Amino acid sequence: MSGQHQPGAIERIAVIGGGAWASALALTAARAGREVMLWARDPRTVQAISAGEGNPGYLPGIPFDRAITATGDLGMALDGAHAVLLVTPAQTTRAMAEALAPHLAPETPVVLCAKGIERDTGLLLGEVLSQAAPACRPAVLSGPSFASDVARGLPTAVTLAADDGDLADLLSLALASAQFRPYASTDLVGVQVGGALKNVLAIACGAVAGKGWGASALAALTARGFAELTRLGLALGARPETLTGLSGLGDLVLTCSSPQSRNFAFGMALGEGRTVAELAAGGKLAEGVHSAAIAVDLAARHGIEMPIGTAVSAVLEGRIGLDAALTGLMTRPLRREA
């Protein structure tokens, strides 16, 4: 962008990641008038984006309607960036943050755009980022959004959280357009909990759909899943209004109702008779697979009942069959709804 940079203004954004969501967010930032540099590991992705061809490997048929520069050099991508969107898989967050850290100017905002819990530590990704790149200012973007919808410029609303409300406002403004509406929040924990747990719950909902049990069962499981998400979220310090907002209930409804969700599609494949081993061999493990066991462990530490999450974890670890797990969930003892 031309003109003098104003202190605090976010004009140059680095997008770290070469997948569908990274490309969609790069387009979003460009449509909002920002100067965008995207880093990708795959040279073919870098070449395609630099040539104006879009990202045919992940977003086939979606042209890039804005100029975006791409590079395979991390230092080049981060040079002069006023903010960073970290859009790599949740379980790579620590390694990627450590790689970013030497190239970041102090106090640079880094926005986490993956959803999950670190498998080895049980830490939320914001905590991982703070450990691995302590000089940055962590933020989180989450909400009901499919990459293909966002890339095509379809109307989407998400939540963007940072501990500092002024920073959350600034980042939201930097990405906002008529089609993409980021609502600012200071509830980092709540936004992360919603994003991580809905992945686990979506596997259960996908399995019910794969079994052909119908929309009524799917709605019941989604509602009870939201009760689990709420209980654990509140125990971890989330605000109720965050859990009932875009990054909580909104994202849960989207993810638990569409095969466009990788987690729902994974569960659906299980319901249709595929095994975890088959799906893993095909490279189709969804993020909820990594987060399920640690989410259940977190719930146990806080004395929270999480039957759906527990059933998903047990199925993924081979401790119970899918039919028995789903039947057990749908025939739990009757009691007053709390």
C-alpha atoms as a PDB file:
ATOM      1  CA  MET A   1       0.000   0.000   0.000  1.00  0.00           C
ATOM      2  CA  SER A   2       1.125   3.510  -0.638  1.00  0.00           C
ATOM      3  CA  GLY A   3       1.439   6.277   1.911  1.00  0.00           C
ATOM      4  CA  GLN A   4       3.111   6.781   5.237  1.00  0.00           C
ATOM      5  CA  HIS A   5       2.495   4.098   7.877  1.00  0.00           C
ATOM      6  CA  GLN A   6       0.707   5.496  10.905  1.00  0.00           C
ATOM      7  CA  PRO A   7       1.757   4.191  14.347  1.00  0.00           C
ATOM      8  CA  GLY A   8      -0.615   1.395  15.393  1.00  0.00           C
ATOM      9  CA  ALA A   9      -2.178   1.028  11.949  1.00  0.00           C
ATOM     10  CA  ILE A  10      -2.227  -2.446  10.450  1.00  0.00           C
ATOM     11  CA  GLU A  11      -1.455  -2.131   6.754  1.00  0.00           C
ATOM     12  CA  ARG A  12       0.860  -5.080   6.018  1.00  0.00           C
ATOM     13  CA  ILE A  13      -0.271  -8.571   6.980  1.00  0.00           C
ATOM     14  CA  ALA A  14       1.728 -11.790   6.741  1.00  0.00           C
ATOM     15  CA  VAL A  15      -0.330 -14.953   6.297  1.00  0.00           C
ATOM     16  CA  ILE A  16       1.550 -18.097   7.350  1.00  0.00           C
ATOM     17  CA  GLY A  17       0.168 -21.221   5.701  1.00  0.00           C
ATOM     18  CA  GLY A  18      -0.540 -22.568   2.242  1.00  0.00           C
ATOM     19  CA  GLY A  19      -3.843 -24.369   2.743  1.00  0.00           C
ATOM     20  CA  ALA A  20      -7.426 -23.423   1.949  1.00  0.00           C
ATOM     21  CA  TRP A  21      -8.058 -21.408   5.124  1.00  0.00           C
ATOM     22  CA  ALA A  22      -4.780 -19.501   4.806  1.00  0.00           C
ATOM     23  CA  SER A  23      -5.557 -18.594   1.205  1.00  0.00           C
ATOM     24  CA  ALA A  24      -9.108 -17.571   2.080  1.00  0.00           C
ATOM     25  CA  LEU A  25      -7.869 -15.297   4.862  1.00  0.00           C
ATOM     26  CA  ALA A  26      -5.213 -13.823   2.578  1.00  0.00           C
ATOM     27  CA  LEU A  27      -7.986 -12.922   0.147  1.00  0.00           C
ATOM     28  CA  THR A  28     -10.013 -11.482   3.022  1.00  0.00           C
ATOM     29  CA  ALA A  29      -7.158  -9.246   4.133  1.00  0.00           C
ATOM     30  CA  ALA A  30      -6.528  -8.102   0.565  1.00  0.00           C
ATOM     31  CA  ARG A  31     -10.216  -7.286   0.071  1.00  0.00           C
ATOM     32  CA  ALA A  32     -10.041  -5.214   3.248  1.00  0.00           C
ATOM     33  CA  GLY A  33      -7.336  -3.120   1.598  1.00  0.00           C
ATOM     34  CA  ARG A  34      -4.306  -4.585   3.299  1.00  0.00           C
ATOM     35  CA  GLU A  35      -0.985  -5.432   1.670  1.00  0.00           C
ATOM     36  CA  VAL A  36      -0.652  -9.213   1.964  1.00  0.00           C
ATOM     37  CA  MET A  37       2.353 -11.528   1.861  1.00  0.00           C
ATOM     38  CA  LEU A  38       1.557 -15.257   2.109  1.00  0.00           C
ATOM     39  CA  TRP A  39       4.117 -17.868   3.130  1.00  0.00           C
ATOM     40  CA  ALA A  40       3.671 -21.462   1.976  1.00  0.00           C
ATOM     41  CA  ARG A  41       5.940 -24.468   2.274  1.00  0.00           C
ATOM     42  CA  ASP A  42       4.930 -25.946  -1.095  1.00  0.00           C
ATOM     43  CA  PRO A  43       6.756 -24.264  -4.034  1.00  0.00           C
ATOM     44  CA  ARG A  44       3.841 -25.083  -6.350  1.00  0.00           C
ATOM     45  CA  THR A  45       1.459 -23.141  -4.123  1.00  0.00           C
ATOM     46  CA  VAL A  46       3.839 -20.187  -4.013  1.00  0.00           C
ATOM     47  CA  GLN A  47       4.188 -20.219  -7.793  1.00  0.00           C
ATOM     48  CA  ALA A  48       0.443 -20.491  -8.452  1.00  0.00           C
ATOM     49  CA  ILE A  49      -0.459 -17.640  -6.094  1.00  0.00           C
ATOM     50  CA  SER A  50       2.361 -15.439  -7.375  1.00  0.00           C
ATOM     51  CA  ALA A  51       1.165 -16.043 -10.939  1.00  0.00           C
ATOM     52  CA  GLY A  52      -2.363 -14.958 -10.016  1.00  0.00           C
ATOM     53  CA  GLU A  53      -3.756 -18.464 -10.493  1.00  0.00           C
ATOM     54  CA  GLY A  54      -5.134 -18.786  -6.969  1.00  0.00           C
ATOM     55  CA  ASN A  55      -4.551 -21.964  -4.982  1.00  0.00           C
ATOM     56  CA  PRO A  56      -5.843 -24.776  -7.225  1.00  0.00           C
ATOM     57  CA  GLY A  57      -4.540 -27.451  -4.869  1.00  0.00           C
ATOM     58  CA  TYR A  58      -6.862 -26.353  -2.059  1.00  0.00           C
ATOM     59  CA  LEU A  59      -9.410 -23.949  -3.563  1.00  0.00           C
ATOM     60  CA  PRO A  60      -9.999 -25.282  -7.085  1.00  0.00           C
ATOM     61  CA  GLY A  61     -12.076 -23.073  -9.307  1.00  0.00           C
ATOM     62  CA  ILE A  62     -11.829 -20.006  -7.053  1.00  0.00           C
ATOM     63  CA  PRO A  63      -9.913 -17.187  -8.751  1.00  0.00           C
ATOM     64  CA  PHE A  64      -7.964 -14.730  -6.658  1.00  0.00           C
ATOM     65  CA  ASP A  65      -9.602 -11.371  -7.259  1.00  0.00           C
ATOM     66  CA  ARG A  66      -6.886  -9.444  -5.411  1.00  0.00           C
ATOM     67  CA  ALA A  67      -3.125  -9.248  -5.781  1.00  0.00           C
ATOM     68  CA  ILE A  68      -1.346 -11.343  -3.149  1.00  0.00           C
ATOM     69  CA  THR A  69       2.399 -11.883  -2.982  1.00  0.00           C
ATOM     70  CA  ALA A  70       3.595 -15.370  -2.029  1.00  0.00           C
ATOM     71  CA  THR A  71       6.963 -16.633  -0.850  1.00  0.00           C
ATOM     72  CA  GLY A  72       8.620 -19.711   0.582  1.00  0.00           C
ATOM     73  CA  ASP A  73      10.988 -17.568   2.656  1.00  0.00           C
ATOM     74  CA  LEU A  74       9.657 -17.071   6.187  1.00  0.00           C
ATOM     75  CA  GLY A  75      11.903 -14.103   6.903  1.00  0.00           C
ATOM     76  CA  MET A  76      10.748 -12.353   3.747  1.00  0.00           C
ATOM     77  CA  ALA A  77       7.092 -12.981   4.585  1.00  0.00           C
ATOM     78  CA  LEU A  78       7.467 -11.468   8.054  1.00  0.00           C
ATOM     79  CA  ASP A  79       9.692  -8.548   7.100  1.00  0.00           C
ATOM     80  CA  GLY A  80       7.826  -5.356   7.969  1.00  0.00           C
ATOM     81  CA  ALA A  81       4.582  -7.138   8.866  1.00  0.00           C
ATOM     82  CA  HIS A  82       2.310  -5.178  11.186  1.00  0.00           C
ATOM     83  CA  ALA A  83       0.318  -8.332  12.025  1.00  0.00           C
ATOM     84  CA  VAL A  84       0.603 -12.063  11.351  1.00  0.00           C
ATOM     85  CA  LEU A  85      -2.148 -14.584  10.695  1.00  0.00           C
ATOM     86  CA  LEU A  86      -0.848 -18.016  11.741  1.00  0.00           C
ATOM     87  CA  VAL A  87      -2.913 -20.453   9.684  1.00  0.00           C
ATOM     88  CA  THR A  88      -1.151 -23.794  10.087  1.00  0.00           C
ATOM     89  CA  PRO A  89      -2.500 -26.985  11.737  1.00  0.00           C
ATOM     90  CA  ALA A  90      -3.099 -26.757  15.492  1.00  0.00           C
ATOM     91  CA  GLN A  91      -0.572 -29.426  16.410  1.00  0.00           C
ATOM     92  CA  THR A  92       2.203 -27.556  14.557  1.00  0.00           C
ATOM     93  CA  THR A  93       1.590 -24.291  16.433  1.00  0.00           C
ATOM     94  CA  ARG A  94       4.569 -24.601  18.775  1.00  0.00           C
ATOM     95  CA  ALA A  95       7.059 -25.431  16.014  1.00  0.00           C
ATOM     96  CA  MET A  96       5.736 -22.698  13.733  1.00  0.00           C
ATOM     97  CA  ALA A  97       5.739 -20.092  16.521  1.00  0.00           C
ATOM     98  CA  GLU A  98       9.337 -20.963  17.355  1.00  0.00           C
ATOM     99  CA  ALA A  99      10.238 -20.522  13.690  1.00  0.00           C
ATOM    100  CA  LEU A 100       8.436 -17.166  13.533  1.00  0.00           C
ATOM    101  CA  ALA A 101       9.887 -15.743  16.733  1.00  0.00           C
ATOM    102  CA  PRO A 102      13.338 -14.642  15.444  1.00  0.00           C
ATOM    103  CA  HIS A 103      11.722 -12.735  12.555  1.00  0.00           C
ATOM    104  CA  LEU A 104       9.038 -10.885  14.537  1.00  0.00           C
ATOM    105  CA  ALA A 105       9.384  -7.285  15.656  1.00  0.00           C
ATOM    106  CA  PRO A 106       8.574  -6.933  19.400  1.00  0.00           C
ATOM    107  CA  GLU A 107       4.849  -6.617  20.182  1.00  0.00           C
ATOM    108  CA  THR A 108       3.768  -7.843  16.744  1.00  0.00           C
ATOM    109  CA  PRO A 109       0.211  -9.255  16.927  1.00  0.00           C
ATOM    110  CA  VAL A 110       0.033 -12.932  15.925  1.00  0.00           C
ATOM    111  CA  VAL A 111      -3.502 -14.139  15.242  1.00  0.00           C
ATOM    112  CA  LEU A 112      -4.063 -17.872  15.730  1.00  0.00           C
ATOM    113  CA  CYS A 113      -6.442 -19.169  13.077  1.00  0.00           C
ATOM    114  CA  ALA A 114      -6.321 -22.906  13.883  1.00  0.00           C
ATOM    115  CA  LYS A 115      -8.629 -24.582  16.395  1.00  0.00           C
ATOM    116  CA  GLY A 116      -7.458 -27.190  18.867  1.00  0.00           C
ATOM    117  CA  ILE A 117      -5.660 -28.100  22.073  1.00  0.00           C
ATOM    118  CA  GLU A 118      -1.985 -29.060  22.092  1.00  0.00           C
ATOM    119  CA  ARG A 119      -2.036 -32.829  22.390  1.00  0.00           C
ATOM    120  CA  ASP A 120       1.180 -33.271  24.367  1.00  0.00           C
ATOM    121  CA  THR A 121       0.547 -30.574  27.005  1.00  0.00           C
ATOM    122  CA  GLY A 122      -3.200 -29.901  27.139  1.00  0.00           C
ATOM    123  CA  LEU A 123      -2.511 -26.198  26.608  1.00  0.00           C
ATOM    124  CA  LEU A 124      -4.760 -23.921  24.590  1.00  0.00           C
ATOM    125  CA  LEU A 125      -2.961 -22.636  21.502  1.00  0.00           C
ATOM    126  CA  GLY A 126      -2.741 -19.091  22.867  1.00  0.00           C
ATOM    127  CA  GLU A 127      -0.707 -20.422  25.778  1.00  0.00           C
ATOM    128  CA  VAL A 128       1.510 -22.354  23.372  1.00  0.00           C
ATOM    129  CA  LEU A 129       2.086 -19.205  21.322  1.00  0.00           C
ATOM    130  CA  SER A 130       2.996 -17.190  24.418  1.00  0.00           C
ATOM    131  CA  GLN A 131       5.582 -19.794  25.392  1.00  0.00           C
ATOM    132  CA  ALA A 132       7.102 -20.222  21.944  1.00  0.00           C
ATOM    133  CA  ALA A 133       7.103 -16.562  20.821  1.00  0.00           C
ATOM    134  CA  PRO A 134       6.946 -14.552  24.057  1.00  0.00           C
ATOM    135  CA  ALA A 135       7.603 -11.175  22.397  1.00  0.00           C
ATOM    136  CA  CYS A 136       4.433 -11.314  20.277  1.00  0.00           C
ATOM    137  CA  ARG A 137       0.893 -10.248  21.203  1.00  0.00           C
ATOM    138  CA  PRO A 138      -1.409 -13.300  20.908  1.00  0.00           C
ATOM    139  CA  ALA A 139      -4.849 -13.065  19.336  1.00  0.00           C
ATOM    140  CA  VAL A 140      -7.359 -15.643  18.104  1.00  0.00           C
ATOM    141  CA  LEU A 141      -9.763 -15.722  15.151  1.00  0.00           C
ATOM    142  CA  SER A 142     -12.574 -18.262  15.237  1.00  0.00           C
ATOM    143  CA  GLY A 143     -16.197 -18.649  14.256  1.00  0.00           C
ATOM    144  CA  PRO A 144     -18.584 -20.277  11.762  1.00  0.00           C
ATOM    145  CA  SER A 145     -16.623 -20.104   8.539  1.00  0.00           C
ATOM    146  CA  PHE A 146     -15.812 -22.482   5.712  1.00  0.00           C
ATOM    147  CA  ALA A 147     -12.741 -21.592   3.676  1.00  0.00           C
ATOM    148  CA  SER A 148     -14.521 -21.918   0.332  1.00  0.00           C
ATOM    149  CA  ASP A 149     -17.307 -19.554   1.442  1.00  0.00           C
ATOM    150  CA  VAL A 150     -14.839 -16.956   2.678  1.00  0.00           C
ATOM    151  CA  ALA A 151     -12.667 -17.267  -0.428  1.00  0.00           C
ATOM    152  CA  ARG A 152     -15.688 -16.687  -2.667  1.00  0.00           C
ATOM    153  CA  GLY A 153     -16.603 -13.585  -0.692  1.00  0.00           C
ATOM    154  CA  LEU A 154     -19.827 -14.978   0.770  1.00  0.00           C
ATOM    155  CA  PRO A 155     -21.095 -13.209   3.914  1.00  0.00           C
ATOM    156  CA  THR A 156     -19.297 -14.489   7.020  1.00  0.00           C
ATOM    157  CA  ALA A 157     -19.085 -13.326  10.642  1.00  0.00           C
ATOM    158  CA  VAL A 158     -16.408 -14.463  13.119  1.00  0.00           C
ATOM    159  CA  THR A 159     -14.941 -13.476  16.480  1.00  0.00           C
ATOM    160  CA  LEU A 160     -11.464 -11.995  16.861  1.00  0.00           C
ATOM    161  CA  ALA A 161     -10.143 -11.945  20.422  1.00  0.00           C
ATOM    162  CA  ALA A 162      -7.131 -10.423  22.154  1.00  0.00           C
ATOM    163  CA  ASP A 163      -6.472  -9.666  25.811  1.00  0.00           C
ATOM    164  CA  ASP A 164      -6.298  -5.966  24.923  1.00  0.00           C
ATOM    165  CA  GLY A 165      -9.645  -4.711  23.628  1.00  0.00           C
ATOM    166  CA  ASP A 166      -8.003  -1.934  21.610  1.00  0.00           C
ATOM    167  CA  LEU A 167      -5.843  -4.495  19.823  1.00  0.00           C
ATOM    168  CA  ALA A 168      -8.880  -6.694  19.139  1.00  0.00           C
ATOM    169  CA  ASP A 169     -10.661  -3.680  17.651  1.00  0.00           C
ATOM    170  CA  LEU A 170      -7.643  -2.773  15.519  1.00  0.00           C
ATOM    171  CA  LEU A 171      -7.241  -6.306  14.152  1.00  0.00           C
ATOM    172  CA  SER A 172     -10.961  -6.612  13.446  1.00  0.00           C
ATOM    173  CA  LEU A 173     -10.936  -3.343  11.536  1.00  0.00           C
ATOM    174  CA  ALA A 174      -7.906  -4.465   9.527  1.00  0.00           C
ATOM    175  CA  LEU A 175      -9.750  -7.556   8.221  1.00  0.00           C
ATOM    176  CA  ALA A 176     -13.275  -6.184   7.945  1.00  0.00           C
ATOM    177  CA  SER A 177     -15.154  -5.787   4.677  1.00  0.00           C
ATOM    178  CA  ALA A 178     -18.790  -5.859   3.615  1.00  0.00           C
ATOM    179  CA  GLN A 179     -18.506  -9.648   3.243  1.00  0.00           C
ATOM    180  CA  PHE A 180     -16.325 -10.487   6.256  1.00  0.00           C
ATOM    181  CA  ARG A 181     -17.318  -9.194   9.686  1.00  0.00           C
ATOM    182  CA  PRO A 182     -14.934  -9.874  12.598  1.00  0.00           C
ATOM    183  CA  TYR A 183     -16.485  -9.012  15.978  1.00  0.00           C
ATOM    184  CA  ALA A 184     -13.912  -8.056  18.608  1.00  0.00           C
ATOM    185  CA  SER A 185     -13.659  -9.768  22.006  1.00  0.00           C
ATOM    186  CA  THR A 186     -11.273  -9.877  24.950  1.00  0.00           C
ATOM    187  CA  ASP A 187     -12.224 -13.458  25.893  1.00  0.00           C
ATOM    188  CA  LEU A 188      -9.260 -15.395  24.495  1.00  0.00           C
ATOM    189  CA  VAL A 189     -10.113 -18.502  26.521  1.00  0.00           C
ATOM    190  CA  GLY A 190     -13.752 -18.657  25.492  1.00  0.00           C
ATOM    191  CA  VAL A 191     -13.024 -18.237  21.796  1.00  0.00           C
ATOM    192  CA  GLN A 192     -10.393 -20.996  21.906  1.00  0.00           C
ATOM    193  CA  VAL A 193     -12.529 -23.429  23.909  1.00  0.00           C
ATOM    194  CA  GLY A 194     -15.421 -23.123  21.476  1.00  0.00           C
ATOM    195  CA  GLY A 195     -13.182 -23.729  18.480  1.00  0.00           C
ATOM    196  CA  ALA A 196     -11.427 -26.729  19.994  1.00  0.00           C
ATOM    197  CA  LEU A 197     -14.394 -28.583  21.471  1.00  0.00           C
ATOM    198  CA  LYS A 198     -16.735 -28.198  18.518  1.00  0.00           C
ATOM    199  CA  ASN A 199     -14.243 -30.268  16.488  1.00  0.00           C
ATOM    200  CA  VAL A 200     -14.597 -33.193  18.901  1.00  0.00           C
ATOM    201  CA  LEU A 201     -18.381 -32.911  19.057  1.00  0.00           C
ATOM    202  CA  ALA A 202     -18.648 -32.704  15.266  1.00  0.00           C
ATOM    203  CA  ILE A 203     -17.106 -36.178  14.968  1.00  0.00           C
ATOM    204  CA  ALA A 204     -19.985 -37.598  17.035  1.00  0.00           C
ATOM    205  CA  CYS A 205     -22.561 -35.697  14.985  1.00  0.00           C
ATOM    206  CA  GLY A 206     -21.000 -36.875  11.743  1.00  0.00           C
ATOM    207  CA  ALA A 207     -21.148 -40.467  12.969  1.00  0.00           C
ATOM    208  CA  VAL A 208     -24.868 -40.114  13.694  1.00  0.00           C
ATOM    209  CA  ALA A 209     -25.402 -38.734  10.192  1.00  0.00           C
ATOM    210  CA  GLY A 210     -23.324 -41.548   8.702  1.00  0.00           C
ATOM    211  CA  LYS A 211     -25.498 -44.071  10.515  1.00  0.00           C
ATOM    212  CA  GLY A 212     -28.578 -42.492   8.968  1.00  0.00           C
ATOM    213  CA  TRP A 213     -30.218 -41.838  12.318  1.00  0.00           C
ATOM    214  CA  GLY A 214     -31.946 -38.707  11.073  1.00  0.00           C
ATOM    215  CA  ALA A 215     -32.088 -34.990  11.762  1.00  0.00           C
ATOM    216  CA  SER A 216     -33.828 -35.324  15.128  1.00  0.00           C
ATOM    217  CA  ALA A 217     -31.006 -37.393  16.625  1.00  0.00           C
ATOM    218  CA  LEU A 218     -28.458 -35.033  15.095  1.00  0.00           C
ATOM    219  CA  ALA A 219     -30.158 -31.999  16.665  1.00  0.00           C
ATOM    220  CA  ALA A 220     -30.332 -33.706  20.060  1.00  0.00           C
ATOM    221  CA  LEU A 221     -26.643 -34.598  19.993  1.00  0.00           C
ATOM    222  CA  THR A 222     -25.682 -31.070  18.929  1.00  0.00           C
ATOM    223  CA  ALA A 223     -27.695 -29.556  21.779  1.00  0.00           C
ATOM    224  CA  ARG A 224     -26.230 -31.907  24.385  1.00  0.00           C
ATOM    225  CA  GLY A 225     -22.798 -31.286  22.912  1.00  0.00           C
ATOM    226  CA  PHE A 226     -23.266 -27.579  23.444  1.00  0.00           C
ATOM    227  CA  ALA A 227     -24.092 -28.291  27.104  1.00  0.00           C
ATOM    228  CA  GLU A 228     -20.741 -30.109  27.416  1.00  0.00           C
ATOM    229  CA  LEU A 229     -18.888 -27.285  25.684  1.00  0.00           C
ATOM    230  CA  THR A 230     -20.515 -24.768  28.031  1.00  0.00           C
ATOM    231  CA  ARG A 231     -19.700 -26.682  31.206  1.00  0.00           C
ATOM    232  CA  LEU A 232     -16.043 -27.078  30.336  1.00  0.00           C
ATOM    233  CA  GLY A 233     -15.729 -23.579  28.935  1.00  0.00           C
ATOM    234  CA  LEU A 234     -17.063 -21.984  32.108  1.00  0.00           C
ATOM    235  CA  ALA A 235     -14.759 -24.145  34.231  1.00  0.00           C
ATOM    236  CA  LEU A 236     -11.775 -22.910  32.212  1.00  0.00           C
ATOM    237  CA  GLY A 237     -12.782 -19.279  32.620  1.00  0.00           C
ATOM    238  CA  ALA A 238     -14.745 -18.547  29.446  1.00  0.00           C
ATOM    239  CA  ARG A 239     -17.525 -15.979  29.487  1.00  0.00           C
ATOM    240  CA  PRO A 240     -21.085 -17.253  28.928  1.00  0.00           C
ATOM    241  CA  GLU A 241     -21.746 -14.701  26.170  1.00  0.00           C
ATOM    242  CA  THR A 242     -18.706 -15.966  24.245  1.00  0.00           C
ATOM    243  CA  LEU A 243     -19.908 -19.558  24.404  1.00  0.00           C
ATOM    244  CA  THR A 244     -23.352 -18.593  23.090  1.00  0.00           C
ATOM    245  CA  GLY A 245     -21.810 -16.366  20.407  1.00  0.00           C
ATOM    246  CA  LEU A 246     -20.224 -16.856  17.014  1.00  0.00           C
ATOM    247  CA  SER A 247     -17.128 -18.744  18.168  1.00  0.00           C
ATOM    248  CA  GLY A 248     -19.114 -21.063  20.440  1.00  0.00           C
ATOM    249  CA  LEU A 249     -22.666 -21.966  19.487  1.00  0.00           C
ATOM    250  CA  GLY A 250     -22.338 -20.468  16.006  1.00  0.00           C
ATOM    251  CA  ASP A 251     -19.310 -22.521  15.059  1.00  0.00           C
ATOM    252  CA  LEU A 252     -20.752 -25.644  16.695  1.00  0.00           C
ATOM    253  CA  VAL A 253     -23.956 -25.446  14.641  1.00  0.00           C
ATOM    254  CA  LEU A 254     -22.016 -25.052  11.399  1.00  0.00           C
ATOM    255  CA  THR A 255     -19.454 -27.767  12.108  1.00  0.00           C
ATOM    256  CA  CYS A 256     -21.991 -30.290  13.402  1.00  0.00           C
ATOM    257  CA  SER A 257     -24.273 -30.037  10.381  1.00  0.00           C
ATOM    258  CA  SER A 258     -22.201 -30.100   7.202  1.00  0.00           C
ATOM    259  CA  PRO A 259     -19.844 -32.552   5.446  1.00  0.00           C
ATOM    260  CA  GLN A 260     -17.809 -29.477   4.465  1.00  0.00           C
ATOM    261  CA  SER A 261     -16.446 -29.748   8.010  1.00  0.00           C
ATOM    262  CA  ARG A 262     -13.474 -32.130   8.078  1.00  0.00           C
ATOM    263  CA  ASN A 263     -14.473 -33.299  11.562  1.00  0.00           C
ATOM    264  CA  PHE A 264     -18.085 -33.960  10.575  1.00  0.00           C
ATOM    265  CA  ALA A 265     -16.906 -35.730   7.404  1.00  0.00           C
ATOM    266  CA  PHE A 266     -14.512 -37.866   9.476  1.00  0.00           C
ATOM    267  CA  GLY A 267     -17.335 -38.898  11.817  1.00  0.00           C
ATOM    268  CA  MET A 268     -19.629 -39.550   8.877  1.00  0.00           C
ATOM    269  CA  ALA A 269     -17.045 -41.890   7.359  1.00  0.00           C
ATOM    270  CA  LEU A 270     -16.886 -43.769  10.667  1.00  0.00           C
ATOM    271  CA  GLY A 271     -20.677 -44.024  10.722  1.00  0.00           C
ATOM    272  CA  GLU A 272     -20.650 -45.422   7.200  1.00  0.00           C
ATOM    273  CA  GLY A 273     -18.305 -48.219   8.284  1.00  0.00           C
ATOM    274  CA  ARG A 274     -14.790 -46.896   7.733  1.00  0.00           C
ATOM    275  CA  THR A 275     -12.255 -47.454  10.514  1.00  0.00           C
ATOM    276  CA  VAL A 276      -9.992 -44.937  12.209  1.00  0.00           C
ATOM    277  CA  ALA A 277      -6.985 -46.838  10.855  1.00  0.00           C
ATOM    278  CA  GLU A 278      -8.307 -46.639   7.280  1.00  0.00           C
ATOM    279  CA  LEU A 279      -8.932 -42.913   7.550  1.00  0.00           C
ATOM    280  CA  ALA A 280      -5.536 -42.324   9.141  1.00  0.00           C
ATOM    281  CA  ALA A 281      -3.825 -44.270   6.348  1.00  0.00           C
ATOM    282  CA  GLY A 282      -5.584 -42.050   3.836  1.00  0.00           C
ATOM    283  CA  GLY A 283      -4.278 -38.938   5.539  1.00  0.00           C
ATOM    284  CA  LYS A 284      -7.772 -37.885   6.602  1.00  0.00           C
ATOM    285  CA  LEU A 285      -7.355 -37.371  10.349  1.00  0.00           C
ATOM    286  CA  ALA A 286      -9.332 -34.316  11.478  1.00  0.00           C
ATOM    287  CA  GLU A 287      -8.244 -31.954  14.255  1.00  0.00           C
ATOM    288  CA  GLY A 288     -10.882 -33.317  16.630  1.00  0.00           C
ATOM    289  CA  VAL A 289      -9.041 -36.641  16.595  1.00  0.00           C
ATOM    290  CA  HIS A 290      -6.015 -34.966  18.174  1.00  0.00           C
ATOM    291  CA  SER A 291      -8.027 -32.919  20.673  1.00  0.00           C
ATOM    292  CA  ALA A 292     -10.532 -35.508  21.918  1.00  0.00           C
ATOM    293  CA  ALA A 293      -8.483 -37.292  24.576  1.00  0.00           C
ATOM    294  CA  ILE A 294      -6.948 -34.130  26.002  1.00  0.00           C
ATOM    295  CA  ALA A 295     -10.350 -32.402  26.099  1.00  0.00           C
ATOM    296  CA  VAL A 296     -11.743 -35.308  28.121  1.00  0.00           C
ATOM    297  CA  ASP A 297      -8.709 -35.154  30.403  1.00  0.00           C
ATOM    298  CA  LEU A 298      -9.261 -31.424  30.957  1.00  0.00           C
ATOM    299  CA  ALA A 299     -12.906 -32.098  31.795  1.00  0.00           C
ATOM    300  CA  ALA A 300     -11.918 -34.793  34.312  1.00  0.00           C
ATOM    301  CA  ARG A 301      -9.439 -32.439  35.984  1.00  0.00           C
ATOM    302  CA  HIS A 302     -12.228 -29.924  36.527  1.00  0.00           C
ATOM    303  CA  GLY A 303     -14.852 -32.488  37.550  1.00  0.00           C
ATOM    304  CA  ILE A 304     -16.890 -31.854  34.387  1.00  0.00           C
ATOM    305  CA  GLU A 305     -19.126 -34.534  32.879  1.00  0.00           C
ATOM    306  CA  MET A 306     -18.495 -34.861  29.154  1.00  0.00           C
ATOM    307  CA  PRO A 307     -20.213 -38.042  27.893  1.00  0.00           C
ATOM    308  CA  ILE A 308     -20.114 -37.207  24.178  1.00  0.00           C
ATOM    309  CA  GLY A 309     -16.453 -36.227  24.249  1.00  0.00           C
ATOM    310  CA  THR A 310     -15.666 -39.321  26.319  1.00  0.00           C
ATOM    311  CA  ALA A 311     -17.454 -41.564  23.809  1.00  0.00           C
ATOM    312  CA  VAL A 312     -15.615 -39.988  20.869  1.00  0.00           C
ATOM    313  CA  SER A 313     -12.262 -40.441  22.605  1.00  0.00           C
ATOM    314  CA  ALA A 314     -13.039 -44.069  23.451  1.00  0.00           C
ATOM    315  CA  VAL A 315     -14.025 -44.874  19.864  1.00  0.00           C
ATOM    316  CA  LEU A 316     -10.922 -43.191  18.447  1.00  0.00           C
ATOM    317  CA  GLU A 317      -8.692 -45.152  20.834  1.00  0.00           C
ATOM    318  CA  GLY A 318     -10.447 -48.443  20.038  1.00  0.00           C
ATOM    319  CA  ARG A 319     -11.785 -48.954  23.568  1.00  0.00           C
ATOM    320  CA  ILE A 320     -15.401 -49.225  22.414  1.00  0.00           C
ATOM    321  CA  GLY A 321     -17.189 -49.835  19.130  1.00  0.00           C
ATOM    322  CA  LEU A 322     -19.005 -47.000  17.405  1.00  0.00           C
ATOM    323  CA  ASP A 323     -22.428 -48.671  17.585  1.00  0.00           C
ATOM    324  CA  ALA A 324     -22.118 -49.250  21.322  1.00  0.00           C
ATOM    325  CA  ALA A 325     -20.870 -45.720  21.908  1.00  0.00           C
ATOM    326  CA  LEU A 326     -23.698 -44.047  19.981  1.00  0.00           C
ATOM    327  CA  THR A 327     -26.358 -46.291  21.476  1.00  0.00           C
ATOM    328  CA  GLY A 328     -25.019 -45.513  24.940  1.00  0.00           C
ATOM    329  CA  LEU A 329     -25.236 -41.782  24.262  1.00  0.00           C
ATOM    330  CA  MET A 330     -28.788 -41.944  22.951  1.00  0.00           C
ATOM    331  CA  THR A 331     -30.033 -44.138  25.804  1.00  0.00           C
ATOM    332  CA  ARG A 332     -28.494 -42.365  28.785  1.00  0.00           C
ATOM    333  CA  PRO A 333     -30.596 -42.445  31.982  1.00  0.00           C
ATOM    334  CA  LEU A 334     -33.532 -40.050  31.955  1.00  0.00           C
ATOM    335  CA  ARG A 335     -33.311 -37.090  34.289  1.00  0.00           C
ATOM    336  CA  ARG A 336     -34.411 -33.502  34.459  1.00  0.00           C
ATOM    337  CA  GLU A 337     -32.707 -31.337  31.852  1.00  0.00           C
ATOM    338  CA  ALA A 338     -30.299 -28.939  33.550  1.00  0.00           C
END
